[in-house]
Protein backbone atom coordinates (compact mmCIF):
# COMPACT_ATOMS: atom_id res chain seq x y z
CA MET A 1 0.00 0.00 0.00
CA LYS A 2 1.00 3.63 -0.39
CA THR A 3 1.02 6.15 2.45
CA ARG A 4 2.45 9.57 3.20
CA ALA A 5 5.51 10.02 5.39
CA ALA A 6 8.02 12.65 6.44
CA VAL A 7 11.30 11.47 4.91
CA LEU A 8 14.79 12.65 5.80
CA VAL A 9 16.33 12.92 2.33
CA GLU A 10 19.10 15.52 2.52
CA HIS A 11 21.15 16.68 5.48
CA GLY A 12 20.31 20.25 6.43
CA GLN A 13 17.11 20.33 4.38
CA PRO A 14 13.47 20.17 5.53
CA LEU A 15 11.85 16.77 5.68
CA ALA A 16 10.12 15.75 2.46
CA ILE A 17 6.41 14.92 2.81
CA GLU A 18 6.00 12.28 0.11
CA GLU A 19 4.44 8.93 -0.64
CA ILE A 20 6.19 5.73 0.36
CA GLU A 21 5.10 2.19 -0.42
CA LEU A 22 4.80 -0.56 2.18
CA GLY A 23 4.56 -4.29 1.60
CA ASN A 24 2.21 -6.81 3.18
CA PRO A 25 2.88 -7.71 6.83
CA GLY A 26 5.33 -10.55 7.34
CA PRO A 27 4.56 -13.30 9.89
CA PHE A 28 5.55 -11.13 12.87
CA GLU A 29 4.63 -7.70 11.48
CA VAL A 30 1.71 -5.34 12.07
CA LEU A 31 0.39 -2.63 9.75
CA VAL A 32 -1.00 0.28 11.75
CA LYS A 33 -2.94 3.33 10.58
CA LEU A 34 -1.63 6.02 12.88
CA TYR A 35 -3.85 8.44 14.77
CA ALA A 36 -1.20 10.57 16.46
CA SER A 37 2.57 10.79 16.95
CA GLY A 38 4.82 12.59 19.37
CA ILE A 39 7.63 14.88 18.19
CA CYS A 40 10.64 13.77 20.23
CA HIS A 41 13.82 15.79 20.74
CA SER A 42 16.00 12.75 20.07
CA GLN A 43 14.87 12.84 16.43
CA LEU A 44 16.66 16.18 16.09
CA HIS A 45 19.93 14.34 16.64
CA GLN A 46 19.20 12.18 13.60
CA ILE A 47 18.13 15.14 11.49
CA HIS A 48 21.33 17.07 12.29
CA ASN A 49 23.70 14.12 12.07
CA PRO A 50 25.52 14.21 8.70
CA ALA A 51 26.36 10.51 9.09
CA GLN A 52 22.70 9.49 9.39
CA ALA A 53 21.74 6.98 6.71
CA ARG A 54 19.28 8.46 4.23
CA PRO A 55 16.53 8.32 3.20
CA ALA A 56 15.24 7.73 6.71
CA LEU A 57 11.85 7.53 8.37
CA LEU A 58 11.62 9.13 11.80
CA GLY A 59 9.44 9.13 14.91
CA HIS A 60 8.93 6.42 17.52
CA GLU A 61 5.87 7.08 19.72
CA ALA A 62 2.28 6.92 18.47
CA THR A 63 -1.24 5.61 18.70
CA GLY A 64 -3.24 3.99 15.92
CA VAL A 65 -5.46 1.16 14.77
CA VAL A 66 -4.38 -2.21 13.39
CA VAL A 67 -5.15 -2.51 9.66
CA ALA A 68 -3.50 -5.89 9.04
CA LYS A 69 -1.24 -8.34 10.84
CA GLY A 70 1.02 -11.27 10.14
CA ARG A 71 -0.09 -14.85 10.69
CA ASP A 72 2.01 -15.30 13.86
CA VAL A 73 0.81 -12.12 15.62
CA THR A 74 -1.58 -13.07 18.40
CA HIS A 75 -1.71 -10.21 20.92
CA VAL A 76 -3.57 -7.74 18.63
CA LYS A 77 -6.00 -8.08 15.73
CA GLU A 78 -7.45 -5.95 12.97
CA GLY A 79 -9.49 -3.04 14.35
CA ASN A 80 -7.69 -2.91 17.72
CA ARG A 81 -6.44 0.44 19.00
CA VAL A 82 -2.74 0.24 19.76
CA MET A 83 0.32 2.11 20.91
CA VAL A 84 3.48 2.09 18.79
CA THR A 85 6.81 2.38 20.59
CA TRP A 86 10.53 1.77 20.14
CA VAL A 87 10.85 -0.36 23.29
CA PRO A 88 10.21 -4.09 22.66
CA ARG A 89 7.20 -5.20 24.66
CA ASP A 90 8.30 -8.64 25.82
CA ILE A 91 11.67 -9.87 24.57
CA THR A 92 14.31 -12.17 25.98
CA PRO A 93 18.06 -12.18 25.33
CA GLU A 94 17.41 -14.92 22.76
CA THR A 95 14.80 -12.89 20.85
CA ALA A 96 16.34 -9.43 21.20
CA VAL A 97 17.10 -8.93 17.47
CA LEU A 98 14.00 -7.72 15.66
CA ASN A 99 13.75 -7.88 11.87
CA ARG A 100 13.20 -4.48 10.30
CA SER A 101 10.64 -3.82 7.62
CA SER A 102 11.39 -2.10 4.33
CA PHE A 103 9.77 0.70 2.35
CA SER A 104 9.94 1.92 -1.23
CA PHE A 105 10.70 5.56 -1.92
CA ARG A 106 11.33 7.27 -5.24
CA GLY A 107 11.64 3.93 -7.00
CA ALA A 108 14.13 2.27 -4.62
CA THR A 109 13.71 -0.02 -1.61
CA HIS A 110 15.21 0.91 1.75
CA GLN A 111 15.34 -0.56 5.25
CA ALA A 112 13.14 1.22 7.79
CA ALA A 113 13.82 1.96 11.42
CA GLY A 114 12.25 -0.34 13.99
CA ALA A 115 9.28 1.98 14.32
CA TYR A 116 8.61 5.18 12.40
CA THR A 117 5.66 7.32 13.37
CA TRP A 118 6.11 10.52 11.34
CA ALA A 119 3.96 8.78 8.77
CA GLU A 120 0.29 8.06 8.28
CA HIS A 121 0.87 4.29 8.40
CA VAL A 122 3.64 2.14 9.84
CA LEU A 123 4.63 -1.46 9.11
CA THR A 124 6.61 -2.72 12.08
CA HIS A 125 7.52 -5.71 14.22
CA GLU A 126 4.80 -6.93 16.56
CA GLN A 127 7.11 -6.38 19.55
CA LEU A 128 6.72 -2.61 19.03
CA VAL A 129 2.92 -2.65 19.06
CA LEU A 130 0.83 -2.84 22.25
CA PRO A 131 -2.92 -2.77 22.89
CA LEU A 132 -4.43 0.57 23.93
CA ASP A 133 -7.42 0.84 26.24
CA PRO A 134 -10.23 2.00 23.91
CA SER A 135 -11.70 4.22 26.63
CA VAL A 136 -8.79 6.71 26.66
CA PRO A 137 -8.08 9.51 24.16
CA ILE A 138 -5.94 8.64 21.16
CA ASP A 139 -4.00 11.92 21.02
CA VAL A 140 -2.19 12.54 24.34
CA THR A 141 -1.60 8.81 24.90
CA ALA A 142 0.75 8.90 21.89
CA ILE A 143 3.57 10.09 24.17
CA ILE A 144 3.50 6.96 26.33
CA GLY A 145 5.69 5.15 23.79
CA CYS A 146 8.73 7.35 24.43
CA ALA A 147 8.39 10.39 26.72
CA THR A 148 6.54 8.53 29.44
CA VAL A 149 8.37 5.22 29.31
CA THR A 150 11.71 7.07 29.24
CA GLY A 151 10.89 9.47 32.06
CA VAL A 152 8.59 7.59 34.41
CA GLY A 153 10.47 4.40 33.63
CA ALA A 154 13.80 5.94 34.64
CA VAL A 155 12.41 6.57 38.12
CA LEU A 156 10.53 3.34 38.68
CA GLY A 157 12.21 0.86 36.36
CA THR A 158 15.85 1.97 36.44
CA ALA A 159 16.45 3.84 39.70
CA HIS A 160 13.73 2.18 41.81
CA VAL A 161 13.15 5.34 43.83
CA LYS A 162 11.57 4.55 47.20
CA PRO A 163 9.06 6.60 49.22
CA GLY A 164 10.76 9.43 51.08
CA GLN A 165 13.93 9.49 48.97
CA THR A 166 15.04 12.77 47.41
CA VAL A 167 15.26 13.49 43.68
CA ALA A 168 16.66 16.23 41.44
CA VAL A 169 15.67 16.46 37.75
CA PHE A 170 17.85 18.44 35.35
CA GLY A 171 15.88 19.55 32.29
CA VAL A 172 12.14 20.15 32.39
CA GLY A 173 11.06 19.11 28.89
CA GLY A 174 8.87 16.33 27.57
CA VAL A 175 10.99 13.64 29.23
CA GLY A 176 12.00 15.61 32.33
CA ILE A 177 8.40 16.35 33.21
CA ASN A 178 7.70 12.61 33.09
CA VAL A 179 10.63 12.02 35.42
CA ILE A 180 9.06 14.48 37.86
CA ALA A 181 5.65 12.79 37.51
CA GLY A 182 7.31 9.42 38.09
CA ALA A 183 9.04 10.69 41.21
CA LYS A 184 5.71 11.90 42.55
CA ILE A 185 4.13 8.50 41.84
CA ALA A 186 7.08 6.91 43.69
CA GLN A 187 6.30 9.21 46.65
CA ALA A 188 9.71 10.83 46.67
CA GLY A 189 10.15 13.05 49.72
CA ARG A 190 11.55 15.99 47.77
CA ILE A 191 11.56 16.63 44.02
CA ILE A 192 13.82 19.43 42.82
CA ALA A 193 13.42 20.64 39.23
CA VAL A 194 16.38 22.37 37.54
CA ASP A 195 16.10 24.33 34.31
CA LEU A 196 17.16 27.62 32.72
CA ALA A 197 13.63 28.89 32.05
CA ASP A 198 11.33 30.20 34.77
CA ASP A 199 8.18 29.28 32.83
CA LYS A 200 9.27 25.65 32.66
CA LEU A 201 10.09 25.65 36.37
CA ALA A 202 6.68 27.07 37.25
CA TRP A 203 5.12 24.40 35.04
CA ALA A 204 7.15 21.67 36.79
CA LYS A 205 5.35 22.41 40.06
CA GLU A 206 2.09 21.27 38.45
CA PHE A 207 3.55 17.78 38.11
CA GLY A 208 4.99 17.40 41.59
CA ALA A 209 8.18 19.45 41.87
CA THR A 210 8.49 20.60 45.48
CA ASP A 211 11.38 22.98 44.75
CA VAL A 212 12.75 24.66 41.64
CA VAL A 213 16.22 25.94 40.76
CA ASN A 214 17.07 28.23 37.86
CA GLY A 215 20.48 27.10 36.65
CA LYS A 216 21.01 30.40 34.85
CA THR A 217 20.75 32.59 37.95
CA SER A 218 22.20 30.26 40.58
CA ASP A 219 24.58 27.32 40.97
CA PRO A 220 22.26 24.27 40.88
CA VAL A 221 24.70 22.06 42.78
CA GLU A 222 25.00 24.52 45.66
CA ALA A 223 21.24 25.11 45.64
CA ILE A 224 20.44 21.38 45.79
CA ARG A 225 22.94 20.80 48.58
CA ALA A 226 21.45 23.70 50.54
CA LEU A 227 17.89 22.45 50.08
CA THR A 228 18.71 18.90 51.12
CA GLY A 229 21.49 19.33 53.64
CA GLY A 230 24.15 17.70 51.48
CA GLY A 231 22.64 16.23 48.31
CA VAL A 232 19.86 14.12 46.85
CA ASP A 233 19.55 10.35 46.67
CA PHE A 234 18.99 10.48 42.89
CA ALA A 235 19.78 13.07 40.24
CA PHE A 236 18.37 12.58 36.74
CA ASP A 237 19.95 14.12 33.64
CA ALA A 238 17.17 14.56 31.08
CA ILE A 239 19.39 16.58 28.72
CA GLY A 240 22.51 14.55 27.89
CA MET A 241 25.15 17.26 28.27
CA GLU A 242 28.60 16.70 29.78
CA SER A 243 28.19 19.63 32.17
CA VAL A 244 24.80 18.38 33.36
CA ILE A 245 26.04 14.84 33.96
CA ASN A 246 28.80 16.25 36.17
CA GLN A 247 26.30 18.48 37.98
CA CYS A 248 24.16 15.42 38.67
CA LEU A 249 27.14 13.61 40.15
CA GLU A 250 27.98 16.60 42.34
CA SER A 251 24.35 16.96 43.45
CA ILE A 252 23.95 13.48 44.90
CA THR A 253 24.79 12.78 48.50
CA PRO A 254 28.30 11.36 48.99
CA GLY A 255 28.77 8.17 50.90
CA ILE A 256 30.33 7.82 54.33
CA LEU A 257 33.13 5.26 54.46
CA GLY A 258 31.96 2.21 56.36
CA ALA A 259 28.47 3.60 56.94
CA ARG A 260 26.73 4.10 53.59
CA ARG A 261 27.34 4.34 49.88
CA GLY A 262 26.66 7.50 47.93
CA GLY A 263 23.70 8.53 45.79
CA THR A 264 22.99 7.74 42.15
CA ALA A 265 23.16 9.91 39.04
CA VAL A 266 20.95 8.59 36.22
CA VAL A 267 21.71 9.60 32.63
CA VAL A 268 18.47 9.68 30.65
CA GLY A 269 19.37 12.19 27.92
CA ILE A 270 21.47 11.04 24.96
CA PRO A 271 24.99 12.58 24.94
CA GLN A 272 26.13 13.61 21.47
CA GLY A 273 29.86 13.33 22.10
CA PRO A 274 32.49 12.16 24.58
CA VAL A 275 31.82 12.91 28.24
CA THR A 276 34.66 13.69 30.66
CA LEU A 277 33.85 13.15 34.32
CA LYS A 278 35.51 15.02 37.16
CA PRO A 279 38.00 12.52 38.62
CA ARG A 280 37.72 13.83 42.16
CA LEU A 281 34.19 12.42 42.30
CA PHE A 282 35.54 8.85 42.07
CA PRO A 283 36.04 6.74 44.06
CA THR A 284 35.59 9.25 46.89
CA GLY A 285 31.99 9.31 48.01
CA GLU A 286 31.20 5.96 46.35
CA ARG A 287 28.80 7.66 43.94
CA HIS A 288 26.89 5.68 41.32
CA LEU A 289 26.53 6.67 37.68
CA ILE A 290 24.05 4.61 35.65
CA GLY A 291 22.28 4.91 32.33
CA SER A 292 18.59 4.48 31.64
CA LEU A 293 17.44 3.50 28.14
CA GLY A 294 13.71 3.30 27.61
CA GLY A 295 13.22 3.36 31.36
CA SER A 296 14.56 -0.21 31.69
CA SER A 297 10.96 -0.98 30.81
CA HIS A 298 8.92 -4.11 30.28
CA PRO A 299 6.11 -2.52 28.22
CA ILE A 300 3.75 -5.48 28.32
CA GLU A 301 3.39 -4.76 32.06
CA ASP A 302 4.34 -1.09 32.31
CA TYR A 303 2.27 0.52 29.53
CA PRO A 304 -1.11 -0.64 30.89
CA GLN A 305 -0.02 0.75 34.27
CA TYR A 306 0.83 4.12 32.69
CA VAL A 307 -2.62 4.20 31.09
CA GLU A 308 -4.23 3.35 34.41
CA TRP A 309 -2.32 6.13 36.18
CA TYR A 310 -3.48 8.51 33.45
CA LYS A 311 -7.10 7.47 34.01
CA GLN A 312 -6.65 8.01 37.76
CA GLY A 313 -5.11 11.48 37.26
CA ALA A 314 -1.69 10.50 38.62
CA LEU A 315 -0.07 10.83 35.18
CA PRO A 316 -1.56 13.95 33.54
CA LEU A 317 -0.61 13.33 29.91
CA ASP A 318 -3.05 16.00 28.73
CA LYS A 319 -1.08 18.66 30.61
CA MET A 320 2.23 17.32 29.27
CA VAL A 321 1.11 17.77 25.66
CA THR A 322 1.34 21.53 25.17
CA LYS A 323 1.12 21.75 21.36
CA ILE A 324 -0.97 19.79 18.87
CA TYR A 325 -0.39 20.01 15.11
CA GLU A 326 -3.24 18.85 12.91
CA GLY A 327 -1.68 16.72 10.21
CA LEU A 328 1.65 15.49 8.91
CA ASP A 329 2.16 18.60 6.78
CA HIS A 330 3.09 20.54 9.93
CA ILE A 331 6.08 18.35 10.83
CA ASN A 332 8.74 20.81 9.67
CA GLU A 333 7.13 23.57 11.73
CA GLY A 334 7.07 21.18 14.69
CA VAL A 335 10.77 20.41 14.23
CA ARG A 336 11.60 24.13 13.98
CA ALA A 337 9.63 24.98 17.14
CA LEU A 338 11.36 22.19 19.05
CA GLU A 339 14.79 23.33 17.86
CA GLN A 340 14.09 26.90 18.94
CA GLY A 341 12.98 25.90 22.44
CA GLU A 342 9.39 27.02 21.88
CA ILE A 343 7.86 23.75 23.13
CA ILE A 344 7.56 23.60 26.91
CA GLY A 345 6.44 19.98 27.20
CA ARG A 346 5.67 17.58 24.38
CA SER A 347 4.23 18.38 20.97
CA ILE A 348 2.30 15.89 18.88
CA MET A 349 0.80 15.55 15.41
CA VAL A 350 -2.72 14.19 14.95
CA TYR A 351 -3.25 12.50 11.59
CA ALA A 352 -6.75 11.09 12.03
CA ARG A 353 -9.36 10.63 14.72
CA PRO A 354 -11.56 7.52 15.12
């Protein structure tokens, strides 16, 4: 079948909105007509990377309806509402390699990414498709497949924050706000939001931040230490910058030799180059530095829980989505707005409504 997609064709040029052609689903593939897709900051890295293979299809969080499925797909069927994500729903080390689908574009056949959601249809592996509760909206739930699983998952799936523990979150964007919401769900005792923009910091309080620090007007490390009496149990980097990773390490509480180990810095953002750590932080203080990819998630269990928290009001996805573009033709404007820092939370595109 033919469908429209935003295609990365030339480095430094706007995405091309053109027709691509998809084949029939293979045994473990699902064809989904997409309702809505998030516009994730990590896609900017691909757009600006001159080494990115092209043509490329982008996007990795969406909602939609199953149009067709392969013979060995059993967890969804035609007509089901679903979420599309980049995090495999239920794999083992033995099944961790997923076959990628292909697409035809301008007369040639190319390999697609695992999931691509800046398109009106996607043909993808069944591991990247999960059922969606038909009672919830199909627009704001599109961000569960990346922003929510990455942010909330980092708190609950990677760090395992316990009630009463203290948390700092560096970067209050689409992912950072989910980290804050996850910390509130975990019943963290103190949640400190750090950003350079006062409007984002004010917004963070709506999701559970108990304290805010403007990193432009004050030293965030000193401020966090002052607020907590020495440092937090967990500091989350939702940006991926070398300076922020070091600030996270300096913001966590150091250990006491023989009594306790130090806090944990969690890198959630994707660094775009080498990262040099301050050597004086190791091994003194016995600090931990860990990475979180996709929230260390098990989507088959976690995604239904995220939806349930949304229904209960504990995970306010509707507040997190601050900009909605009607249709794929607005993708280049969405990319520009994200690049210029005009999007406070998460922006999405809505292609169709049921």
